[in-house]
Amino acid sequence: MKIAATQFNLENNAIEVYLSGCLGSCSGCHNEELKDFNVGKDFNSEIMYQIKSKILQFDNLIEKIFIMGGEPLDQDLFYLKWFLNYIKTTNKEIWLFTRYDLNEISPEIKNLCDYIKTGCYNEKLKVDNYEMYGIKLATSNQKINKRGEDY
């Protein structure tokens, strides 16, 4: 697993963590350059520590951690679960953004996430004013699922 980048999202009081690598073929992919599994830094304890330090350094501003890609669920799931468990200790909401449907996600992964955005981007289903839980979604087939309500 490789971490391609991190970025602050002040509009949503979040830090975005981008994982590289995707096996999908969504029409109009928003991160085409992250389909390659070789982009970024190797996942290890040092990079995990750096990400957690960033989160804690800006504790007042960050409420959410967005795990994005590429495709998080196309990674080595052992490392993804390890990472999710590690960042869960920050007591921030964990949001997973995936092209997969909810029923395709393992219960272990679901239980580590507070919210899961599901659904592949589909250019033909593009919408302008579609929002769930304060997050704007790009296509009508996408959905945000909340732990305890939807799974």
N, C-alpha and C. Protein backbone atom coordinates (compact mmCIF):
# COMPACT_ATOMS: atom_id res chain seq x y z
N MET A 1 0.86 -1.17 0.00
CA MET A 1 0.00 0.00 0.00
C MET A 1 0.90 1.23 0.00
N LYS A 2 0.49 2.23 -0.77
CA LYS A 2 1.25 3.48 -0.85
C LYS A 2 0.34 4.66 -0.53
N ILE A 3 0.91 5.62 0.17
CA ILE A 3 0.22 6.87 0.47
C ILE A 3 0.68 7.86 -0.59
N ALA A 4 -0.24 8.32 -1.42
CA ALA A 4 0.10 9.24 -2.49
C ALA A 4 0.21 10.67 -1.98
N ALA A 5 -0.66 11.06 -1.06
CA ALA A 5 -0.65 12.44 -0.57
C ALA A 5 -1.61 12.59 0.60
N THR A 6 -1.44 13.69 1.31
CA THR A 6 -2.43 14.13 2.29
C THR A 6 -2.72 15.59 1.98
N GLN A 7 -3.90 16.01 2.35
CA GLN A 7 -4.30 17.39 2.05
C GLN A 7 -5.38 17.80 3.04
N PHE A 8 -5.32 19.06 3.47
CA PHE A 8 -6.36 19.59 4.34
C PHE A 8 -7.56 20.01 3.51
N ASN A 9 -8.75 19.75 4.02
CA ASN A 9 -10.00 20.14 3.39
C ASN A 9 -10.74 20.98 4.43
N LEU A 10 -10.50 22.28 4.40
CA LEU A 10 -11.06 23.17 5.42
C LEU A 10 -12.57 23.33 5.30
N GLU A 11 -13.09 23.17 4.10
CA GLU A 11 -14.55 23.27 3.91
C GLU A 11 -15.28 22.21 4.74
N ASN A 12 -14.68 21.02 4.84
CA ASN A 12 -15.30 19.91 5.58
C ASN A 12 -14.59 19.60 6.90
N ASN A 13 -13.68 20.46 7.32
CA ASN A 13 -12.89 20.22 8.54
C ASN A 13 -12.29 18.82 8.54
N ALA A 14 -11.59 18.52 7.45
CA ALA A 14 -11.07 17.17 7.27
C ALA A 14 -9.63 17.19 6.78
N ILE A 15 -8.99 16.06 6.99
CA ILE A 15 -7.73 15.79 6.32
C ILE A 15 -8.00 14.64 5.36
N GLU A 16 -7.54 14.79 4.14
CA GLU A 16 -7.74 13.76 3.13
C GLU A 16 -6.45 12.96 2.99
N VAL A 17 -6.57 11.65 3.01
CA VAL A 17 -5.43 10.75 2.82
C VAL A 17 -5.70 9.98 1.53
N TYR A 18 -4.81 10.15 0.55
CA TYR A 18 -4.98 9.52 -0.76
C TYR A 18 -4.09 8.30 -0.87
N LEU A 19 -4.71 7.16 -1.14
CA LEU A 19 -3.98 5.92 -1.38
C LEU A 19 -3.87 5.71 -2.87
N SER A 20 -2.72 5.22 -3.32
CA SER A 20 -2.57 5.02 -4.77
C SER A 20 -2.94 3.59 -5.14
N GLY A 21 -3.50 3.46 -6.34
CA GLY A 21 -3.87 2.17 -6.87
C GLY A 21 -5.36 1.96 -6.96
N CYS A 22 -5.81 1.61 -8.16
CA CYS A 22 -7.23 1.32 -8.39
C CYS A 22 -7.35 0.35 -9.55
N LEU A 23 -8.20 -0.64 -9.37
CA LEU A 23 -8.44 -1.63 -10.42
C LEU A 23 -9.71 -1.33 -11.21
N GLY A 24 -10.41 -0.27 -10.86
CA GLY A 24 -11.69 0.06 -11.47
C GLY A 24 -11.56 0.85 -12.75
N SER A 25 -12.71 1.09 -13.34
CA SER A 25 -12.75 1.89 -14.57
C SER A 25 -13.99 2.79 -14.55
N CYS A 26 -14.06 3.65 -13.55
CA CYS A 26 -15.17 4.59 -13.46
C CYS A 26 -15.08 5.59 -14.62
N SER A 27 -16.21 5.93 -15.19
CA SER A 27 -16.20 6.92 -16.28
C SER A 27 -15.99 8.30 -15.68
N GLY A 28 -14.96 9.00 -16.10
CA GLY A 28 -14.68 10.33 -15.58
C GLY A 28 -13.98 10.30 -14.23
N CYS A 29 -13.07 9.37 -14.04
CA CYS A 29 -12.33 9.23 -12.79
C CYS A 29 -11.75 10.58 -12.37
N HIS A 30 -11.92 10.95 -11.10
CA HIS A 30 -11.42 12.25 -10.62
C HIS A 30 -9.95 12.22 -10.22
N ASN A 31 -9.35 11.04 -10.13
CA ASN A 31 -7.94 10.92 -9.77
C ASN A 31 -7.26 9.88 -10.65
N GLU A 32 -7.32 10.09 -11.92
CA GLU A 32 -6.74 9.15 -12.89
C GLU A 32 -5.28 8.82 -12.57
N GLU A 33 -4.52 9.83 -12.13
CA GLU A 33 -3.10 9.61 -11.84
C GLU A 33 -2.88 8.67 -10.66
N LEU A 34 -3.90 8.44 -9.84
CA LEU A 34 -3.76 7.55 -8.69
C LEU A 34 -4.21 6.13 -8.97
N LYS A 35 -4.48 5.80 -10.21
CA LYS A 35 -4.80 4.41 -10.56
C LYS A 35 -3.55 3.53 -10.45
N ASP A 36 -2.39 4.14 -10.64
CA ASP A 36 -1.11 3.45 -10.58
C ASP A 36 -0.77 3.11 -9.12
N PHE A 37 -0.51 1.85 -8.84
CA PHE A 37 -0.19 1.39 -7.48
C PHE A 37 1.21 1.81 -7.03
N ASN A 38 2.01 2.40 -7.90
CA ASN A 38 3.39 2.75 -7.57
C ASN A 38 3.59 4.21 -7.22
N VAL A 39 2.53 4.99 -7.17
CA VAL A 39 2.63 6.42 -6.85
C VAL A 39 2.70 6.60 -5.34
N GLY A 40 3.60 7.46 -4.89
CA GLY A 40 3.63 7.82 -3.48
C GLY A 40 4.66 7.09 -2.66
N LYS A 41 4.49 7.19 -1.35
CA LYS A 41 5.43 6.61 -0.39
C LYS A 41 4.88 5.29 0.15
N ASP A 42 5.80 4.37 0.38
CA ASP A 42 5.40 3.08 0.95
C ASP A 42 4.77 3.28 2.32
N PHE A 43 3.72 2.54 2.56
CA PHE A 43 3.04 2.56 3.85
C PHE A 43 3.93 1.89 4.88
N ASN A 44 4.21 2.60 5.96
CA ASN A 44 5.01 2.04 7.05
C ASN A 44 4.70 2.82 8.32
N SER A 45 5.33 2.44 9.42
CA SER A 45 5.04 3.09 10.70
C SER A 45 5.43 4.58 10.69
N GLU A 46 6.47 4.93 9.95
CA GLU A 46 6.89 6.34 9.89
C GLU A 46 5.82 7.21 9.22
N ILE A 47 5.30 6.75 8.10
CA ILE A 47 4.27 7.54 7.38
C ILE A 47 2.99 7.60 8.21
N MET A 48 2.66 6.50 8.91
CA MET A 48 1.48 6.52 9.78
C MET A 48 1.66 7.56 10.89
N TYR A 49 2.84 7.60 11.46
CA TYR A 49 3.12 8.56 12.52
C TYR A 49 3.02 9.99 11.99
N GLN A 50 3.55 10.24 10.79
CA GLN A 50 3.49 11.58 10.20
C GLN A 50 2.04 12.03 9.99
N ILE A 51 1.21 11.13 9.51
CA ILE A 51 -0.20 11.47 9.27
C ILE A 51 -0.91 11.75 10.60
N LYS A 52 -0.69 10.88 11.57
CA LYS A 52 -1.33 11.09 12.87
C LYS A 52 -0.84 12.38 13.52
N SER A 53 0.44 12.70 13.38
CA SER A 53 0.98 13.94 13.93
C SER A 53 0.32 15.16 13.30
N LYS A 54 0.10 15.11 11.99
CA LYS A 54 -0.60 16.20 11.29
C LYS A 54 -2.00 16.39 11.85
N ILE A 55 -2.68 15.28 12.06
CA ILE A 55 -4.05 15.32 12.58
C ILE A 55 -4.05 15.95 13.97
N LEU A 56 -3.15 15.50 14.82
CA LEU A 56 -3.12 16.00 16.19
C LEU A 56 -2.63 17.44 16.27
N GLN A 57 -1.73 17.82 15.37
CA GLN A 57 -1.22 19.20 15.34
C GLN A 57 -2.35 20.19 15.05
N PHE A 58 -3.31 19.77 14.22
CA PHE A 58 -4.42 20.64 13.85
C PHE A 58 -5.73 20.11 14.44
N ASP A 59 -5.64 19.61 15.64
CA ASP A 59 -6.76 18.97 16.33
C ASP A 59 -8.01 19.84 16.36
N ASN A 60 -7.84 21.15 16.56
CA ASN A 60 -8.99 22.07 16.64
C ASN A 60 -9.73 22.19 15.31
N LEU A 61 -9.02 22.01 14.21
CA LEU A 61 -9.60 22.21 12.88
C LEU A 61 -10.14 20.94 12.25
N ILE A 62 -9.61 19.81 12.64
CA ILE A 62 -9.95 18.55 11.97
C ILE A 62 -10.99 17.77 12.77
N GLU A 63 -12.09 17.47 12.10
CA GLU A 63 -13.14 16.63 12.69
C GLU A 63 -13.22 15.27 11.99
N LYS A 64 -12.77 15.25 10.72
CA LYS A 64 -12.95 14.05 9.89
C LYS A 64 -11.63 13.67 9.23
N ILE A 65 -11.49 12.37 8.99
CA ILE A 65 -10.38 11.85 8.20
C ILE A 65 -10.99 11.16 7.01
N PHE A 66 -10.70 11.68 5.81
CA PHE A 66 -11.21 11.10 4.57
C PHE A 66 -10.14 10.17 3.99
N ILE A 67 -10.48 8.92 3.79
CA ILE A 67 -9.59 7.95 3.15
C ILE A 67 -10.09 7.79 1.73
N MET A 68 -9.23 8.18 0.76
CA MET A 68 -9.64 8.26 -0.64
C MET A 68 -8.60 7.58 -1.52
N GLY A 69 -8.79 7.70 -2.82
CA GLY A 69 -7.82 7.08 -3.70
C GLY A 69 -7.70 7.78 -5.02
N GLY A 70 -7.19 7.00 -5.93
CA GLY A 70 -7.14 5.56 -6.07
C GLY A 70 -8.41 4.94 -5.49
N GLU A 71 -8.23 3.74 -5.04
CA GLU A 71 -9.33 2.99 -4.43
C GLU A 71 -8.83 2.31 -3.16
N PRO A 72 -9.27 2.80 -2.00
CA PRO A 72 -8.82 2.20 -0.75
C PRO A 72 -9.04 0.69 -0.65
N LEU A 73 -10.14 0.20 -1.20
CA LEU A 73 -10.46 -1.22 -1.06
C LEU A 73 -9.73 -2.11 -2.07
N ASP A 74 -8.96 -1.52 -2.96
CA ASP A 74 -8.10 -2.31 -3.85
C ASP A 74 -6.70 -2.48 -3.27
N GLN A 75 -6.48 -2.00 -2.06
CA GLN A 75 -5.19 -2.11 -1.38
C GLN A 75 -5.10 -3.45 -0.66
N ASP A 76 -3.94 -3.74 -0.12
CA ASP A 76 -3.77 -4.89 0.77
C ASP A 76 -4.63 -4.58 2.00
N LEU A 77 -5.69 -5.34 2.20
CA LEU A 77 -6.66 -5.03 3.26
C LEU A 77 -6.07 -5.18 4.66
N PHE A 78 -5.05 -6.00 4.82
CA PHE A 78 -4.37 -6.12 6.12
C PHE A 78 -3.81 -4.76 6.52
N TYR A 79 -3.11 -4.09 5.60
CA TYR A 79 -2.53 -2.78 5.88
C TYR A 79 -3.59 -1.70 6.01
N LEU A 80 -4.64 -1.79 5.19
CA LEU A 80 -5.72 -0.81 5.30
C LEU A 80 -6.37 -0.90 6.68
N LYS A 81 -6.65 -2.10 7.15
CA LYS A 81 -7.26 -2.28 8.48
C LYS A 81 -6.31 -1.78 9.58
N TRP A 82 -5.04 -2.05 9.42
CA TRP A 82 -4.04 -1.59 10.38
C TRP A 82 -4.06 -0.07 10.45
N PHE A 83 -4.06 0.57 9.30
CA PHE A 83 -4.09 2.03 9.23
C PHE A 83 -5.37 2.59 9.85
N LEU A 84 -6.52 2.02 9.50
CA LEU A 84 -7.79 2.50 10.04
C LEU A 84 -7.83 2.37 11.56
N ASN A 85 -7.34 1.25 12.08
CA ASN A 85 -7.28 1.07 13.54
C ASN A 85 -6.37 2.12 14.18
N TYR A 86 -5.26 2.39 13.54
CA TYR A 86 -4.28 3.36 14.07
C TYR A 86 -4.88 4.77 14.12
N ILE A 87 -5.51 5.21 13.03
CA ILE A 87 -6.05 6.58 13.03
C ILE A 87 -7.34 6.70 13.83
N LYS A 88 -7.98 5.58 14.11
CA LYS A 88 -9.18 5.60 14.94
C LYS A 88 -8.84 6.15 16.34
N THR A 89 -7.60 6.00 16.77
CA THR A 89 -7.18 6.48 18.09
C THR A 89 -7.18 8.00 18.18
N THR A 90 -7.34 8.70 17.07
CA THR A 90 -7.42 10.17 17.09
C THR A 90 -8.79 10.66 17.52
N ASN A 91 -9.76 9.76 17.56
CA ASN A 91 -11.15 10.09 17.92
C ASN A 91 -11.80 11.04 16.92
N LYS A 92 -11.35 10.98 15.68
CA LYS A 92 -11.98 11.75 14.59
C LYS A 92 -12.89 10.80 13.82
N GLU A 93 -13.87 11.37 13.11
CA GLU A 93 -14.73 10.55 12.25
C GLU A 93 -13.89 10.01 11.09
N ILE A 94 -14.04 8.75 10.80
CA ILE A 94 -13.33 8.14 9.68
C ILE A 94 -14.33 7.93 8.54
N TRP A 95 -14.00 8.52 7.39
CA TRP A 95 -14.81 8.45 6.19
C TRP A 95 -14.03 7.70 5.12
N LEU A 96 -14.62 6.67 4.57
CA LEU A 96 -14.00 5.89 3.49
C LEU A 96 -14.74 6.20 2.19
N PHE A 97 -14.01 6.58 1.16
CA PHE A 97 -14.59 6.88 -0.14
C PHE A 97 -14.23 5.75 -1.10
N THR A 98 -15.25 5.04 -1.59
CA THR A 98 -15.01 3.87 -2.43
C THR A 98 -16.01 3.81 -3.59
N ARG A 99 -15.60 3.12 -4.63
CA ARG A 99 -16.50 2.90 -5.77
C ARG A 99 -17.37 1.66 -5.53
N TYR A 100 -17.01 0.85 -4.56
CA TYR A 100 -17.74 -0.40 -4.29
C TYR A 100 -19.10 -0.13 -3.65
N ASP A 101 -20.00 -1.10 -3.77
CA ASP A 101 -21.29 -1.05 -3.08
C ASP A 101 -21.09 -1.50 -1.64
N LEU A 102 -21.97 -1.08 -0.76
CA LEU A 102 -21.85 -1.38 0.66
C LEU A 102 -21.78 -2.89 0.92
N ASN A 103 -22.57 -3.67 0.18
CA ASN A 103 -22.59 -5.13 0.41
C ASN A 103 -21.31 -5.83 -0.04
N GLU A 104 -20.43 -5.11 -0.74
CA GLU A 104 -19.15 -5.68 -1.17
C GLU A 104 -18.02 -5.39 -0.19
N ILE A 105 -18.32 -4.67 0.87
CA ILE A 105 -17.30 -4.27 1.84
C ILE A 105 -17.37 -5.19 3.06
N SER A 106 -16.22 -5.66 3.52
CA SER A 106 -16.19 -6.58 4.65
C SER A 106 -16.69 -5.91 5.92
N PRO A 107 -17.34 -6.67 6.79
CA PRO A 107 -17.81 -6.12 8.07
C PRO A 107 -16.66 -5.51 8.89
N GLU A 108 -15.48 -6.08 8.81
CA GLU A 108 -14.32 -5.54 9.54
C GLU A 108 -14.01 -4.11 9.13
N ILE A 109 -14.00 -3.87 7.82
CA ILE A 109 -13.73 -2.52 7.31
C ILE A 109 -14.88 -1.59 7.68
N LYS A 110 -16.11 -2.04 7.49
CA LYS A 110 -17.27 -1.21 7.83
C LYS A 110 -17.23 -0.75 9.28
N ASN A 111 -16.88 -1.66 10.18
CA ASN A 111 -16.89 -1.33 11.60
C ASN A 111 -15.80 -0.34 12.00
N LEU A 112 -14.80 -0.15 11.14
CA LEU A 112 -13.73 0.80 11.43
C LEU A 112 -14.03 2.20 10.88
N CYS A 113 -15.12 2.32 10.13
CA CYS A 113 -15.47 3.59 9.49
C CYS A 113 -16.78 4.12 10.04
N ASP A 114 -16.84 5.43 10.22
CA ASP A 114 -18.08 6.07 10.67
C ASP A 114 -19.02 6.34 9.51
N TYR A 115 -18.43 6.65 8.34
CA TYR A 115 -19.20 6.91 7.12
C TYR A 115 -18.47 6.25 5.95
N ILE A 116 -19.25 5.74 5.00
CA ILE A 116 -18.67 5.16 3.79
C ILE A 116 -19.42 5.71 2.59
N LYS A 117 -18.67 6.41 1.72
CA LYS A 117 -19.24 6.89 0.46
C LYS A 117 -19.09 5.77 -0.55
N THR A 118 -20.21 5.31 -1.10
CA THR A 118 -20.19 4.21 -2.06
C THR A 118 -20.65 4.67 -3.44
N GLY A 119 -20.25 3.91 -4.45
CA GLY A 119 -20.71 4.17 -5.81
C GLY A 119 -19.64 4.78 -6.70
N CYS A 120 -19.49 4.17 -7.84
CA CYS A 120 -18.55 4.62 -8.85
C CYS A 120 -19.05 5.92 -9.49
N TYR A 121 -18.12 6.82 -9.79
CA TYR A 121 -18.50 8.03 -10.51
C TYR A 121 -18.98 7.63 -11.90
N ASN A 122 -20.15 8.13 -12.28
CA ASN A 122 -20.73 7.82 -13.59
C ASN A 122 -21.14 9.13 -14.25
N GLU A 123 -20.37 9.52 -15.25
CA GLU A 123 -20.57 10.80 -15.95
C GLU A 123 -22.03 10.99 -16.39
N LYS A 124 -22.70 9.90 -16.80
CA LYS A 124 -24.09 9.99 -17.28
C LYS A 124 -25.08 10.30 -16.16
N LEU A 125 -24.67 10.09 -14.92
CA LEU A 125 -25.56 10.32 -13.77
C LEU A 125 -25.16 11.55 -12.96
N LYS A 126 -24.40 12.45 -13.58
CA LYS A 126 -23.89 13.64 -12.92
C LYS A 126 -25.05 14.53 -12.43
N VAL A 127 -24.90 15.04 -11.20
CA VAL A 127 -25.90 15.93 -10.60
C VAL A 127 -25.19 17.12 -9.96
N ASP A 128 -25.95 18.20 -9.73
CA ASP A 128 -25.35 19.40 -9.17
C ASP A 128 -25.59 19.59 -7.67
N ASN A 129 -26.78 19.34 -7.21
CA ASN A 129 -27.12 19.65 -5.83
C ASN A 129 -27.52 18.41 -5.03
N TYR A 130 -26.63 17.44 -5.00
CA TYR A 130 -26.88 16.19 -4.29
C TYR A 130 -25.90 16.11 -3.13
N GLU A 131 -26.44 16.17 -1.92
CA GLU A 131 -25.61 16.22 -0.73
C GLU A 131 -26.15 15.26 0.32
N MET A 132 -25.23 14.59 1.01
CA MET A 132 -25.58 13.74 2.15
C MET A 132 -24.59 14.00 3.26
N TYR A 133 -25.08 14.16 4.47
CA TYR A 133 -24.23 14.38 5.64
C TYR A 133 -23.22 15.51 5.40
N GLY A 134 -23.65 16.53 4.68
CA GLY A 134 -22.82 17.70 4.45
C GLY A 134 -21.76 17.54 3.37
N ILE A 135 -21.77 16.43 2.65
CA ILE A 135 -20.79 16.17 1.60
C ILE A 135 -21.51 16.16 0.25
N LYS A 136 -21.01 16.95 -0.68
CA LYS A 136 -21.58 16.99 -2.02
C LYS A 136 -21.14 15.77 -2.81
N LEU A 137 -22.11 15.09 -3.40
CA LEU A 137 -21.84 13.91 -4.23
C LEU A 137 -21.98 14.29 -5.69
N ALA A 138 -21.18 13.66 -6.54
CA ALA A 138 -21.11 14.06 -7.94
C ALA A 138 -22.13 13.37 -8.83
N THR A 139 -22.52 12.14 -8.50
CA THR A 139 -23.47 11.41 -9.36
C THR A 139 -24.57 10.78 -8.52
N SER A 140 -25.72 10.61 -9.13
CA SER A 140 -26.91 10.17 -8.40
C SER A 140 -26.83 8.73 -7.89
N ASN A 141 -25.90 7.93 -8.39
CA ASN A 141 -25.76 6.55 -7.92
C ASN A 141 -24.89 6.46 -6.67
N GLN A 142 -24.28 7.57 -6.26
CA GLN A 142 -23.43 7.55 -5.08
C GLN A 142 -24.27 7.79 -3.83
N LYS A 143 -23.76 7.27 -2.70
CA LYS A 143 -24.49 7.38 -1.45
C LYS A 143 -23.48 7.42 -0.30
N ILE A 144 -23.82 8.13 0.76
CA ILE A 144 -23.02 8.08 1.98
C ILE A 144 -23.81 7.27 2.99
N ASN A 145 -23.14 6.27 3.52
CA ASN A 145 -23.73 5.34 4.48
C ASN A 145 -23.14 5.61 5.85
N LYS A 146 -24.00 5.71 6.86
CA LYS A 146 -23.57 6.01 8.21
C LYS A 146 -23.66 4.75 9.08
N ARG A 147 -22.55 4.50 9.80
CA ARG A 147 -22.53 3.33 10.71
C ARG A 147 -23.62 3.51 11.75
N GLY A 148 -24.33 2.46 12.04
CA GLY A 148 -25.40 2.53 13.02
C GLY A 148 -26.76 2.84 12.41
N GLU A 149 -26.76 3.40 11.21
CA GLU A 149 -28.02 3.68 10.51
C GLU A 149 -28.16 2.82 9.26
N ASP A 150 -27.11 2.80 8.44
CA ASP A 150 -27.16 2.12 7.14
C ASP A 150 -26.44 0.77 7.16
N TYR A 151 -25.60 0.55 8.15
CA TYR A 151 -24.88 -0.73 8.25
C TYR A 151 -24.50 -1.00 9.68
